[in-house]
């Protein structure tokens, strides 16, 4: 006595394949239902399913025409596939060569751009140092002017601007 799952595992089939054989007539002759509602297949049902599956397999084998030169077909198909493979392989190798040459050009461009970036970075650092030195020098000059009392005086001898609207103001 087998359940559908046990029979499927025993015969190496799927549960769906076993269920296809469970027609109404087959169930009446070879099956019973237990109290849990499981379908139990008798030994006679197992042998009937094996017989039907063998008939189906032999019928599928009969569908191939006897006059067909199967080995010749596969041989010519294999040669055709190997010829296509050689053609595709040649195309792939030329594509690989093309991509490698493009990659070497890109590598050279990256090296050149890296060198330019390094030069720009050093120039920027030098400019920042020059600006910082000038700022420190200017701060020192302004500090000296404050100590000397020349803070109100305009540096570099530029005269103070006169405003054109002078009502109520001096200067």
Protein backbone atom coordinates (compact mmCIF):
# COMPACT_ATOMS: atom_id res chain seq x y z
CA UNK A 1 0.00 0.00 0.00
CA UNK A 2 1.40 3.33 -1.11
CA UNK A 3 0.44 6.97 -0.87
CA UNK A 4 0.85 9.13 -3.96
CA UNK A 5 4.06 10.63 -2.57
CA UNK A 6 5.56 7.24 -1.64
CA UNK A 7 4.74 5.79 -5.06
CA UNK A 8 6.19 8.84 -6.82
CA UNK A 9 9.44 8.51 -4.87
CA UNK A 10 9.54 4.75 -5.44
CA UNK A 11 9.06 5.05 -9.22
CA UNK A 12 11.15 8.21 -9.66
CA UNK A 13 8.19 10.22 -10.92
CA UNK A 14 6.50 13.40 -9.76
CA UNK A 15 3.29 13.45 -7.75
CA UNK A 16 1.57 15.15 -10.67
CA UNK A 17 2.59 12.34 -13.02
CA UNK A 18 1.17 9.76 -10.62
CA UNK A 19 -2.07 11.74 -10.25
CA UNK A 20 -2.54 11.74 -14.04
CA UNK A 21 -2.95 7.98 -13.88
CA UNK A 22 -5.57 8.22 -11.12
CA UNK A 23 -8.69 8.29 -13.28
CA UNK A 24 -12.11 7.38 -11.89
CA UNK A 25 -11.88 3.79 -13.14
CA UNK A 26 -8.34 3.41 -11.79
CA UNK A 27 -9.42 4.65 -8.35
CA UNK A 28 -12.33 2.22 -8.24
CA UNK A 29 -10.08 -0.75 -9.07
CA UNK A 30 -6.76 0.03 -7.40
CA UNK A 31 -7.23 2.70 -4.69
CA UNK A 32 -8.88 3.31 -1.36
CA UNK A 33 -9.23 6.41 0.81
CA UNK A 34 -8.21 6.28 4.47
CA UNK A 35 -9.83 8.13 7.36
CA UNK A 36 -7.51 11.16 6.92
CA UNK A 37 -8.54 11.51 3.28
CA UNK A 38 -5.26 10.22 1.80
CA UNK A 39 -5.42 8.15 -1.37
CA UNK A 40 -3.84 4.76 -0.78
CA UNK A 41 -2.76 2.86 -3.91
CA UNK A 42 -2.66 -0.95 -3.76
CA UNK A 43 0.13 -3.09 -5.19
CA UNK A 44 -2.02 -3.83 -8.24
CA UNK A 45 -2.29 -0.08 -8.88
CA UNK A 46 1.48 0.26 -8.65
CA UNK A 47 2.01 -2.43 -11.28
CA UNK A 48 -0.70 -0.86 -13.51
CA UNK A 49 1.04 2.54 -13.34
CA UNK A 50 4.40 0.94 -14.17
CA UNK A 51 2.85 -0.83 -17.17
CA UNK A 52 1.17 2.36 -18.45
CA UNK A 53 4.35 4.38 -18.06
CA UNK A 54 6.31 1.76 -20.04
CA UNK A 55 3.72 1.86 -22.82
CA UNK A 56 3.95 5.65 -22.90
CA UNK A 57 7.76 5.53 -23.06
CA UNK A 58 7.73 2.99 -25.91
CA UNK A 59 5.10 5.03 -27.79
CA UNK A 60 7.28 8.15 -27.49
CA UNK A 61 10.22 6.17 -28.84
CA UNK A 62 8.07 5.00 -31.78
CA UNK A 63 7.40 8.62 -32.76
CA UNK A 64 10.98 8.92 -34.08
CA UNK A 65 10.98 7.72 -37.70
CA UNK A 66 13.02 4.58 -38.29
CA UNK A 67 14.43 5.92 -41.56
CA UNK A 68 15.95 8.97 -39.90
CA UNK A 69 19.71 8.89 -39.79
CA UNK A 70 19.93 10.08 -36.23
CA UNK A 71 23.68 9.71 -35.81
CA UNK A 72 24.27 11.49 -39.15
CA UNK A 73 21.93 14.27 -38.08
CA UNK A 74 23.75 14.76 -34.82
CA UNK A 75 27.14 14.58 -36.54
CA UNK A 76 26.19 17.25 -39.10
CA UNK A 77 24.60 19.32 -36.36
CA UNK A 78 27.77 19.00 -34.28
CA UNK A 79 29.92 20.10 -37.22
CA UNK A 80 27.59 23.02 -37.86
CA UNK A 81 27.75 24.06 -34.22
CA UNK A 82 31.54 23.71 -34.11
CA UNK A 83 31.83 25.86 -37.27
CA UNK A 84 29.60 28.50 -35.72
CA UNK A 85 31.65 28.27 -32.53
CA UNK A 86 34.86 28.86 -34.45
CA UNK A 87 33.35 31.91 -36.17
CA UNK A 88 32.05 33.35 -32.91
CA UNK A 89 35.33 32.55 -31.20
CA UNK A 90 37.23 34.51 -33.87
CA UNK A 91 34.90 37.47 -33.45
CA UNK A 92 35.32 37.36 -29.69
CA UNK A 93 39.12 37.27 -29.95
CA UNK A 94 39.18 40.30 -32.28
CA UNK A 95 36.83 42.10 -29.91
CA UNK A 96 39.12 41.28 -26.98
CA UNK A 97 42.15 42.64 -28.87
CA UNK A 98 40.26 45.84 -29.71
CA UNK A 99 39.17 46.33 -26.11
CA UNK A 100 42.70 45.71 -24.82
CA UNK A 101 44.12 48.34 -27.18
CA UNK A 102 41.45 50.81 -26.07
CA UNK A 103 42.26 49.99 -22.46
CA UNK A 104 45.96 50.72 -22.98
CA UNK A 105 45.07 54.10 -24.54
CA UNK A 106 42.83 54.89 -21.57
CA UNK A 107 45.60 53.89 -19.15
CA UNK A 108 47.99 56.32 -20.88
CA UNK A 109 45.38 59.09 -20.68
CA UNK A 110 44.91 58.42 -16.97
CA UNK A 111 48.68 58.64 -16.38
CA UNK A 112 48.85 61.99 -18.21
CA UNK A 113 45.88 63.39 -16.29
CA UNK A 114 47.38 62.21 -13.00
CA UNK A 115 50.63 64.03 -13.81
CA UNK A 116 48.71 67.21 -14.67
CA UNK A 117 46.74 66.93 -11.45
CA UNK A 118 49.94 66.57 -9.45
CA UNK A 119 51.38 69.69 -11.12
CA UNK A 120 48.19 71.66 -10.43
CA UNK A 121 48.20 70.51 -6.81
CA UNK A 122 51.80 71.63 -6.25
CA UNK A 123 51.05 74.99 -7.92
CA UNK A 124 48.00 75.43 -5.67
CA UNK A 125 50.02 74.63 -2.55
CA UNK A 126 52.69 77.16 -3.60
CA UNK A 127 50.01 79.82 -4.23
CA UNK A 128 48.44 79.15 -0.83
CA UNK A 129 51.82 79.48 0.88
CA UNK A 130 52.49 82.75 -0.95
CA UNK A 131 49.07 84.10 0.04
CA UNK A 132 49.62 83.06 3.63
CA UNK A 133 53.02 84.76 3.70
CA UNK A 134 51.55 87.94 2.23
CA UNK A 135 48.75 87.87 4.79
CA UNK A 136 51.23 87.49 7.64
CA UNK A 137 53.34 90.34 6.25
CA UNK A 138 50.28 92.58 5.94
CA UNK A 139 49.19 91.70 9.50
CA UNK A 140 52.67 92.60 10.72
CA UNK A 141 52.54 95.93 8.86
CA UNK A 142 49.09 96.74 10.28
CA UNK A 143 50.27 95.85 13.78
CA UNK A 144 53.25 98.15 13.39
CA UNK A 145 50.99 100.97 12.18
CA UNK A 146 48.76 100.56 15.22
CA UNK A 147 51.75 100.77 17.49
CA UNK A 148 52.98 103.90 15.73
CA UNK A 149 49.55 105.56 15.90
CA UNK A 150 48.98 105.67 12.17
CA UNK A 151 45.81 103.61 12.25
CA UNK A 152 43.65 106.56 11.14
CA UNK A 153 45.93 107.43 8.31
CA UNK A 154 45.16 105.91 4.96
CA UNK A 155 48.03 103.72 3.78
CA UNK A 156 49.85 104.31 0.48
CA UNK A 157 49.11 108.05 0.53
CA UNK A 158 45.60 107.76 -0.92
CA UNK A 159 43.52 110.77 0.20
CA UNK A 160 40.33 110.14 2.11
CA UNK A 161 37.19 110.38 -0.04
CA UNK A 162 34.98 113.41 0.43
CA UNK A 163 31.29 112.82 0.46
CA UNK A 164 29.06 115.01 -1.68
CA UNK A 165 26.21 115.24 0.86
CA UNK A 166 27.58 117.27 3.76
CA UNK A 167 24.58 118.57 5.65
CA UNK A 168 25.28 118.45 9.35
CA UNK A 169 28.64 116.77 8.94
CA UNK A 170 32.14 117.88 8.87
CA UNK A 171 34.74 116.75 6.50
